[in-house]
Amino acid sequence: MPEQTKPIELHYWPTPNGWKVSIMLEELGVPYDLKLVNIGKGEQFEPSFLAISPNNRMPAIVDPEGPDGQPISVFESGAILQYLGRKFGKFYPSDERSRVEVDQWLFWQMGGLGPMAGQAHHFRQYAPEKIEYGINRYTNEVNRLYGVMNKRLADRDYLAGEYSIADMACVGWIKPYKNQGQDLNDFPNLKRWFEAVTARPAVERGLAVAIEARSNLADDKEAQKIMFNQKAR
């Protein structure tokens, strides 16, 4: 694994997407500087942040020791995990067959588990009107996705065989399972996996990064105005 002499900048807020990268950096044991982006105060719209994350979403990183020794910024949590995995040669296989296994489950999280769990959170906790159709639609879809993971984990310890960035990507989205209307006891293989992954010391540290800054958005109406109902501007 190459030595990282200058800290990687981690632009972050303690959310399931932010946790993916804090966990990876803790697993790698490389130095990083934490740059908090308070999404409840609109700091994700600051020009300095948009310069590295044009989708106004965190996390993002700036690696001062990027390709050819030149700095590089990366946004989108899945792309960050792949970049760090390639650079440091850990938790992301180099052979194609094994890498495809990881990529499948990483993209499954990016395109399915995360968005659907996020919508379940929204309709169950934040929507000003309790819309039964929306609550049922997304709670049931998250339940289906938990079932997919549970079946996948029936005969293996981790999603892609060995512990990888696919597991790091998913664990933060399982952590708030109660807010998604789920019961892990209904998914014994998933529960076993979740307990094993969250028991890893680096995962514990990654989930704890700036956790004191996390607020209850369900009670913060001003933050909800900033975060929800955004339009192009």
Protein backbone atom coordinates (compact mmCIF):
# COMPACT_ATOMS: atom_id res chain seq x y z
CA MET A 1 0.00 0.00 0.00
CA PRO A 2 1.51 3.39 -0.96
CA GLU A 3 2.37 5.81 1.81
CA GLN A 4 0.14 8.87 2.09
CA THR A 5 2.33 11.73 3.30
CA LYS A 6 -0.22 14.55 3.01
CA PRO A 7 -3.69 14.20 4.55
CA ILE A 8 -6.67 13.64 2.30
CA GLU A 9 -9.36 16.29 2.73
CA LEU A 10 -12.69 14.70 3.63
CA HIS A 11 -15.66 17.01 3.06
CA TYR A 12 -18.25 15.33 5.21
CA TRP A 13 -21.39 15.26 7.29
CA PRO A 14 -22.39 12.29 9.49
CA THR A 15 -24.94 10.61 7.21
CA PRO A 16 -25.06 7.16 5.59
CA ASN A 17 -23.25 8.51 2.52
CA GLY A 18 -20.65 10.33 4.60
CA TRP A 19 -20.04 7.24 6.71
CA LYS A 20 -19.01 5.23 3.66
CA VAL A 21 -15.89 7.31 3.19
CA SER A 22 -15.02 7.88 6.85
CA ILE A 23 -15.18 4.09 7.31
CA MET A 24 -12.94 3.49 4.29
CA LEU A 25 -10.35 6.02 5.45
CA GLU A 26 -10.34 4.49 8.93
CA GLU A 27 -9.99 1.00 7.47
CA LEU A 28 -7.05 2.15 5.34
CA GLY A 29 -5.43 3.99 8.24
CA VAL A 30 -4.37 6.89 6.02
CA PRO A 31 -4.25 10.48 7.34
CA TYR A 32 -7.19 12.74 6.57
CA ASP A 33 -8.38 16.20 7.50
CA LEU A 34 -12.07 16.54 8.31
CA LYS A 35 -13.93 19.40 6.62
CA LEU A 36 -17.47 19.47 7.96
CA VAL A 37 -20.19 20.49 5.49
CA ASN A 38 -23.29 21.32 7.53
CA ILE A 39 -26.09 20.36 5.17
CA GLY A 40 -28.70 21.73 7.58
CA LYS A 41 -27.22 25.21 7.23
CA GLY A 42 -26.75 25.12 3.47
CA GLU A 43 -22.95 24.88 3.46
CA GLN A 44 -23.22 22.40 0.56
CA PHE A 45 -24.11 25.37 -1.68
CA GLU A 46 -20.92 27.32 -0.93
CA PRO A 47 -18.89 27.99 -4.11
CA SER A 48 -15.80 26.41 -2.58
CA PHE A 49 -17.68 23.14 -2.04
CA LEU A 50 -19.44 23.24 -5.41
CA ALA A 51 -16.01 23.49 -7.06
CA ILE A 52 -15.30 19.91 -5.92
CA SER A 53 -18.88 18.58 -5.68
CA PRO A 54 -21.02 20.17 -8.41
CA ASN A 55 -24.08 18.13 -7.35
CA ASN A 56 -24.07 19.97 -3.98
CA ARG A 57 -23.98 16.68 -2.12
CA MET A 58 -21.38 15.40 0.26
CA PRO A 59 -19.12 13.57 0.76
CA ALA A 60 -16.27 14.65 -1.46
CA ILE A 61 -12.51 14.31 -1.11
CA VAL A 62 -9.45 16.19 -2.26
CA ASP A 63 -6.33 14.06 -2.48
CA PRO A 64 -3.22 16.24 -2.66
CA GLU A 65 -1.25 13.20 -3.83
CA GLY A 66 -3.43 12.17 -6.76
CA PRO A 67 -2.43 10.61 -10.08
CA ASP A 68 1.02 11.70 -11.29
CA GLY A 69 1.50 13.43 -7.95
CA GLN A 70 -1.08 16.10 -8.75
CA PRO A 71 -4.11 16.92 -6.56
CA ILE A 72 -7.45 15.41 -7.51
CA SER A 73 -10.96 15.97 -6.20
CA VAL A 74 -13.60 13.25 -6.28
CA PHE A 75 -17.33 13.51 -5.58
CA GLU A 76 -19.99 10.76 -5.32
CA SER A 77 -19.38 8.32 -2.49
CA GLY A 78 -19.17 5.24 -4.71
CA ALA A 79 -16.58 6.85 -6.97
CA ILE A 80 -14.59 7.87 -3.89
CA LEU A 81 -14.59 4.30 -2.56
CA GLN A 82 -13.42 2.97 -5.93
CA TYR A 83 -10.70 5.61 -6.20
CA LEU A 84 -9.35 4.91 -2.71
CA GLY A 85 -9.59 1.17 -3.28
CA ARG A 86 -7.58 1.40 -6.51
CA LYS A 87 -5.00 3.78 -5.07
CA PHE A 88 -4.26 1.86 -1.90
CA GLY A 89 -4.94 -1.64 -3.21
CA LYS A 90 -7.22 -2.68 -0.36
CA PHE A 91 -10.89 -3.66 -0.07
CA TYR A 92 -11.30 -3.49 -3.87
CA PRO A 93 -9.94 -6.51 -5.77
CA SER A 94 -7.57 -6.11 -8.70
CA ASP A 95 -8.66 -9.17 -10.66
CA GLU A 96 -11.62 -8.53 -12.93
CA ARG A 97 -13.96 -11.30 -11.79
CA SER A 98 -13.70 -10.35 -8.13
CA ARG A 99 -13.91 -6.63 -8.91
CA VAL A 100 -17.14 -7.15 -10.86
CA GLU A 101 -18.62 -8.87 -7.80
CA VAL A 102 -17.82 -5.81 -5.69
CA ASP A 103 -18.99 -3.34 -8.34
CA GLN A 104 -22.36 -5.09 -8.67
CA TRP A 105 -23.15 -4.66 -5.00
CA LEU A 106 -21.68 -1.17 -4.81
CA PHE A 107 -23.90 0.00 -7.67
CA TRP A 108 -26.84 -1.91 -6.17
CA GLN A 109 -26.44 0.23 -3.08
CA MET A 110 -25.96 3.46 -5.02
CA GLY A 111 -28.96 2.88 -7.28
CA GLY A 112 -31.28 0.97 -4.95
CA LEU A 113 -30.69 0.63 -1.24
CA GLY A 114 -29.61 4.23 -0.64
CA PRO A 115 -32.27 6.02 -2.71
CA MET A 116 -35.11 3.77 -1.54
CA ALA A 117 -34.10 3.96 2.13
CA GLY A 118 -33.76 7.72 1.74
CA GLN A 119 -37.30 7.97 0.38
CA ALA A 120 -38.58 5.77 3.20
CA HIS A 121 -36.93 8.11 5.69
CA HIS A 122 -38.48 11.11 3.99
CA PHE A 123 -42.06 9.88 3.84
CA ARG A 124 -41.94 8.29 7.30
CA GLN A 125 -40.22 11.17 9.14
CA TYR A 126 -40.01 14.42 7.24
CA ALA A 127 -43.00 14.76 4.89
CA PRO A 128 -45.34 17.46 6.26
CA GLU A 129 -48.29 15.27 5.30
CA LYS A 130 -48.34 11.57 6.14
CA ILE A 131 -49.02 10.13 2.70
CA GLU A 132 -49.92 6.48 3.19
CA TYR A 133 -49.11 5.50 -0.37
CA GLY A 134 -45.60 6.98 -0.19
CA ILE A 135 -44.92 5.44 3.22
CA ASN A 136 -46.05 1.99 2.11
CA ARG A 137 -44.35 2.19 -1.29
CA TYR A 138 -40.87 2.91 0.04
CA THR A 139 -41.10 0.95 3.29
CA ASN A 140 -42.07 -2.13 1.29
CA GLU A 141 -39.31 -1.57 -1.27
CA VAL A 142 -36.71 -1.30 1.49
CA ASN A 143 -38.12 -4.51 2.93
CA ARG A 144 -37.63 -6.17 -0.48
CA LEU A 145 -34.05 -4.91 -0.68
CA TYR A 146 -33.30 -6.18 2.82
CA GLY A 147 -34.59 -9.54 1.58
CA VAL A 148 -32.17 -9.43 -1.35
CA MET A 149 -29.27 -8.86 1.04
CA ASN A 150 -30.50 -11.53 3.42
CA LYS A 151 -30.60 -14.11 0.62
CA ARG A 152 -27.20 -13.06 -0.70
CA LEU A 153 -25.66 -13.45 2.76
CA ALA A 154 -27.10 -16.92 3.35
CA ASP A 155 -23.91 -18.65 2.23
CA ARG A 156 -21.21 -16.02 2.62
CA ASP A 157 -19.89 -13.65 5.26
CA TYR A 158 -19.82 -10.53 3.09
CA LEU A 159 -21.66 -9.25 0.04
CA ALA A 160 -18.90 -9.86 -2.48
CA GLY A 161 -17.04 -12.68 -0.76
CA GLU A 162 -14.23 -10.90 1.07
CA TYR A 163 -14.94 -7.77 3.11
CA SER A 164 -14.92 -4.86 0.68
CA ILE A 165 -16.11 -1.38 -0.19
CA ALA A 166 -19.49 -2.95 -1.03
CA ASP A 167 -20.01 -3.73 2.65
CA MET A 168 -18.81 -0.27 3.67
CA ALA A 169 -21.29 1.29 1.26
CA CYS A 170 -24.25 -0.64 2.64
CA VAL A 171 -23.71 -0.75 6.38
CA GLY A 172 -24.55 2.91 7.02
CA TRP A 173 -27.86 2.50 5.22
CA ILE A 174 -28.79 -0.49 7.40
CA LYS A 175 -27.84 1.31 10.62
CA PRO A 176 -31.08 3.38 10.77
CA TYR A 177 -33.27 0.36 9.98
CA LYS A 178 -35.88 1.32 12.58
CA ASN A 179 -36.46 4.67 10.84
CA GLN A 180 -37.05 2.69 7.64
CA GLY A 181 -39.79 0.65 9.32
CA GLN A 182 -37.74 -2.57 9.36
CA ASP A 183 -36.93 -5.25 11.94
CA LEU A 184 -33.56 -6.95 11.54
CA ASN A 185 -34.89 -10.02 13.32
CA ASP A 186 -36.87 -10.68 10.14
CA PHE A 187 -33.57 -10.99 8.24
CA PRO A 188 -31.21 -13.24 10.26
CA ASN A 189 -28.39 -13.37 7.71
CA LEU A 190 -28.47 -9.61 7.27
CA LYS A 191 -28.52 -9.15 11.04
CA ARG A 192 -25.48 -11.42 11.47
CA TRP A 193 -23.62 -9.46 8.75
CA PHE A 194 -24.60 -6.09 10.25
CA GLU A 195 -23.39 -7.08 13.70
CA ALA A 196 -20.11 -8.42 12.31
CA VAL A 197 -19.39 -5.33 10.20
CA THR A 198 -20.29 -2.80 12.90
CA ALA A 199 -18.06 -4.68 15.36
CA ARG A 200 -14.99 -3.89 13.26
CA PRO A 201 -12.95 -1.20 15.11
CA ALA A 202 -12.46 0.90 11.96
CA VAL A 203 -16.19 0.82 11.25
CA GLU A 204 -16.91 1.89 14.82
CA ARG A 205 -14.52 4.81 14.39
CA GLY A 206 -15.89 5.72 10.98
CA LEU A 207 -19.48 5.80 12.24
CA ALA A 208 -18.43 7.96 15.19
CA VAL A 209 -16.75 10.72 13.14
CA ALA A 210 -18.40 14.03 14.10
CA ILE A 211 -21.46 12.18 15.36
CA GLU A 212 -21.97 14.94 17.93
CA ALA A 213 -22.76 17.32 15.04
CA ARG A 214 -25.67 15.19 13.86
CA SER A 215 -29.04 16.70 14.74
CA ASN A 216 -32.60 15.44 14.60
CA LEU A 217 -33.72 16.79 11.26
CA ALA A 218 -37.26 15.66 11.97
CA ASP A 219 -37.48 18.52 14.48
CA ASP A 220 -35.45 21.09 12.51
CA LYS A 221 -37.88 22.83 10.19
CA GLU A 222 -35.35 25.41 9.00
CA ALA A 223 -32.90 22.69 7.96
CA GLN A 224 -35.71 20.89 6.13
CA LYS A 225 -36.43 24.05 4.13
CA ILE A 226 -32.81 24.12 3.01
CA MET A 227 -32.48 20.40 2.26
CA PHE A 228 -35.81 19.56 0.67
CA ASN A 229 -37.65 20.88 -2.39
CA GLN A 230 -34.48 22.11 -4.08
CA LYS A 231 -34.68 23.23 -7.69
CA ALA A 232 -32.12 24.23 -10.29
CA ARG A 233 -30.66 27.62 -9.50
